[in-house]
Structures are given as C-alpha cells and as structure tokens.
Amino acid sequence: MAKKQFVKTSTLGKWAFILGIVIAIATGFLNLIWFPAVLFVLGVAVGFFNVSKDEVLLYLAATAVLLLSASSLLNLQRLIGGSATIVLGSILANFSAFVAASGLVVAIRTVIALGKDD
C-alpha cells in the first residue's frame, strides 16, 4: 500500500518538473507577471516529491551551478541587448525561479534532517 503512494508522489514530482520547464520556456515569449509565482509553486513540489535523500548533495550542487550560470547569462543578455536576448533572459529568469524554489525546499529538508538526533 505504501509503495503505491510513493509511486503517485514520484509521478507528481516528475510532472511538476516537466511542466515547470515547459512553462519556463513558453513564458519567455509571453510577459505575464504571475508566471514566476506558478513556477515557484511547481519548484516547491519538485523539491518535496522529486529529490530523495541519496540525491540531495548532487541536486544542491546542480542547483547552485544552474543558478550561477543563469545569473551569468542574464548579465551577458544585458550587455548584448536585442530582442532575442530579451526572450532568453526571460526564460532564464523564469527557470531560475523554478530551480531556486526546488533547491530551497531540498536545502531546508537537509538542514532539518541534519538537526535531528538519530
């Protein structure tokens, strides 16, 4: 019985991840102010349901690299300018909201787990 529940939450996390990436890319072409909030909620779902205890260190390292890369590319977009880089900048900003939310949840879960007495 518990195994079926794990499969359902794992599936939810996978779909939240796929949906977050699709929305981050699609919203690069649209300028709707509430999309980062949707991406943040999806990122929280990914952080809760998609990252196991064995994957925490690798996931947090990948999250840090992704956020640093997106930040660097956003700075490059500001230097170059142009309409294509505006779309790229919007995609990166939305993707950063998504990734940062999932990384925040995983980091908080890790700190809580480290603080527990086993």
Protein backbone atom coordinates (compact mmCIF):
# COMPACT_ATOMS: atom_id res chain seq x y z
CA MET A 1 0.00 0.00 0.00
CA ALA A 2 2.76 2.46 0.91
CA LYS A 3 4.55 1.62 -2.32
CA LYS A 4 1.60 2.85 -4.41
CA GLN A 5 1.61 6.18 -2.54
CA PHE A 6 5.34 6.58 -3.28
CA VAL A 7 4.71 5.97 -6.98
CA LYS A 8 1.97 8.63 -7.01
CA THR A 9 4.12 11.31 -5.35
CA SER A 10 7.08 10.41 -7.54
CA THR A 11 4.88 10.81 -10.61
CA LEU A 12 3.61 14.13 -9.27
CA GLY A 13 7.18 15.37 -8.86
CA LYS A 14 8.14 14.27 -12.37
CA TRP A 15 5.15 16.01 -13.92
CA ALA A 16 5.80 19.16 -11.88
CA PHE A 17 9.38 19.17 -13.18
CA ILE A 18 8.35 18.71 -16.81
CA LEU A 19 5.57 21.29 -16.51
CA GLY A 20 7.96 23.77 -14.86
CA ILE A 21 10.48 23.50 -17.68
CA VAL A 22 7.80 23.83 -20.36
CA ILE A 23 6.26 26.87 -18.65
CA ALA A 24 9.69 28.49 -18.14
CA ILE A 25 10.42 28.19 -21.86
CA ALA A 26 6.92 29.15 -23.03
CA THR A 27 6.77 32.19 -20.80
CA GLY A 28 9.96 33.53 -22.32
CA PHE A 29 7.77 34.60 -25.21
CA LEU A 30 4.98 35.98 -23.03
CA ASN A 31 5.15 38.75 -20.49
CA LEU A 32 2.75 37.66 -17.77
CA ILE A 33 3.73 38.80 -14.31
CA TRP A 34 2.24 35.86 -12.40
CA PHE A 35 4.15 33.07 -14.17
CA PRO A 36 7.15 33.19 -11.78
CA ALA A 37 4.73 32.52 -8.91
CA VAL A 38 3.40 29.43 -10.70
CA LEU A 39 6.97 28.31 -11.37
CA PHE A 40 7.85 28.84 -7.71
CA VAL A 41 4.95 26.59 -6.62
CA LEU A 42 5.97 23.92 -9.14
CA GLY A 43 9.57 24.17 -7.89
CA VAL A 44 8.39 23.61 -4.32
CA ALA A 45 6.52 20.50 -5.50
CA VAL A 46 9.66 19.22 -7.23
CA GLY A 47 11.72 19.84 -4.08
CA PHE A 48 9.25 17.92 -1.93
CA PHE A 49 8.46 15.00 -4.21
CA ASN A 50 11.32 14.51 -6.63
CA VAL A 51 14.57 14.50 -4.64
CA SER A 52 15.43 11.51 -2.47
CA LYS A 53 17.87 11.53 0.45
CA ASP A 54 20.51 9.89 -1.72
CA GLU A 55 20.28 12.65 -4.34
CA VAL A 56 20.43 15.70 -2.03
CA LEU A 57 24.12 16.58 -2.36
CA LEU A 58 24.18 16.17 -6.13
CA TYR A 59 20.89 18.05 -6.54
CA LEU A 60 22.00 21.01 -4.41
CA ALA A 61 25.30 21.22 -6.30
CA ALA A 62 23.47 21.13 -9.64
CA THR A 63 21.01 23.77 -8.41
CA ALA A 64 23.85 26.08 -7.37
CA VAL A 65 25.57 25.71 -10.75
CA LEU A 66 22.33 26.27 -12.65
CA LEU A 67 21.55 29.44 -10.69
CA LEU A 68 25.09 30.80 -11.13
CA SER A 69 25.01 30.02 -14.84
CA ALA A 70 21.62 31.67 -15.29
CA SER A 71 22.84 34.73 -13.41
CA SER A 72 25.93 35.00 -15.61
CA LEU A 73 23.90 34.57 -18.78
CA LEU A 74 21.43 37.23 -17.63
CA ASN A 75 24.34 39.64 -17.25
CA LEU A 76 25.51 38.75 -20.74
CA GLN A 77 22.00 39.41 -22.04
CA ARG A 78 22.10 42.91 -20.55
CA LEU A 79 25.41 43.63 -22.27
CA ILE A 80 24.45 42.35 -25.71
CA GLY A 81 20.84 43.53 -25.88
CA GLY A 82 18.43 42.76 -28.70
CA SER A 83 15.05 41.09 -28.84
CA ALA A 84 16.38 37.52 -28.95
CA THR A 85 18.35 38.06 -25.77
CA ILE A 86 15.29 39.56 -24.09
CA VAL A 87 13.44 36.29 -24.68
CA LEU A 88 16.46 34.30 -23.46
CA GLY A 89 16.68 36.49 -20.37
CA SER A 90 13.01 35.95 -19.61
CA ILE A 91 13.39 32.18 -19.98
CA LEU A 92 16.42 32.17 -17.68
CA ALA A 93 14.69 34.33 -15.06
CA ASN A 94 11.66 32.03 -15.04
CA PHE A 95 13.83 28.93 -14.94
CA SER A 96 15.77 30.44 -12.03
CA ALA A 97 12.54 30.95 -10.05
CA PHE A 98 11.66 27.31 -10.66
CA VAL A 99 15.09 25.89 -9.76
CA ALA A 100 15.62 28.17 -6.76
CA ALA A 101 12.33 27.10 -5.19
CA SER A 102 13.15 23.41 -5.51
CA GLY A 103 16.67 23.97 -4.18
CA LEU A 104 15.32 25.93 -1.22
CA VAL A 105 12.99 23.11 -0.24
CA VAL A 106 15.71 20.48 -0.56
CA ALA A 107 18.15 22.62 1.46
CA ILE A 108 15.63 23.18 4.25
CA ARG A 109 14.78 19.47 4.34
CA THR A 110 18.51 18.69 4.58
CA VAL A 111 19.12 21.14 7.43
CA ILE A 112 16.18 19.71 9.36
CA ALA A 113 17.43 16.15 8.79
CA LEU A 114 20.92 17.11 9.95
CA GLY A 115 19.50 18.67 13.10
CA LYS A 116 17.59 15.57 14.13
CA ASP A 117 19.12 13.26 16.70
CA ASP A 118 19.23 9.74 15.32
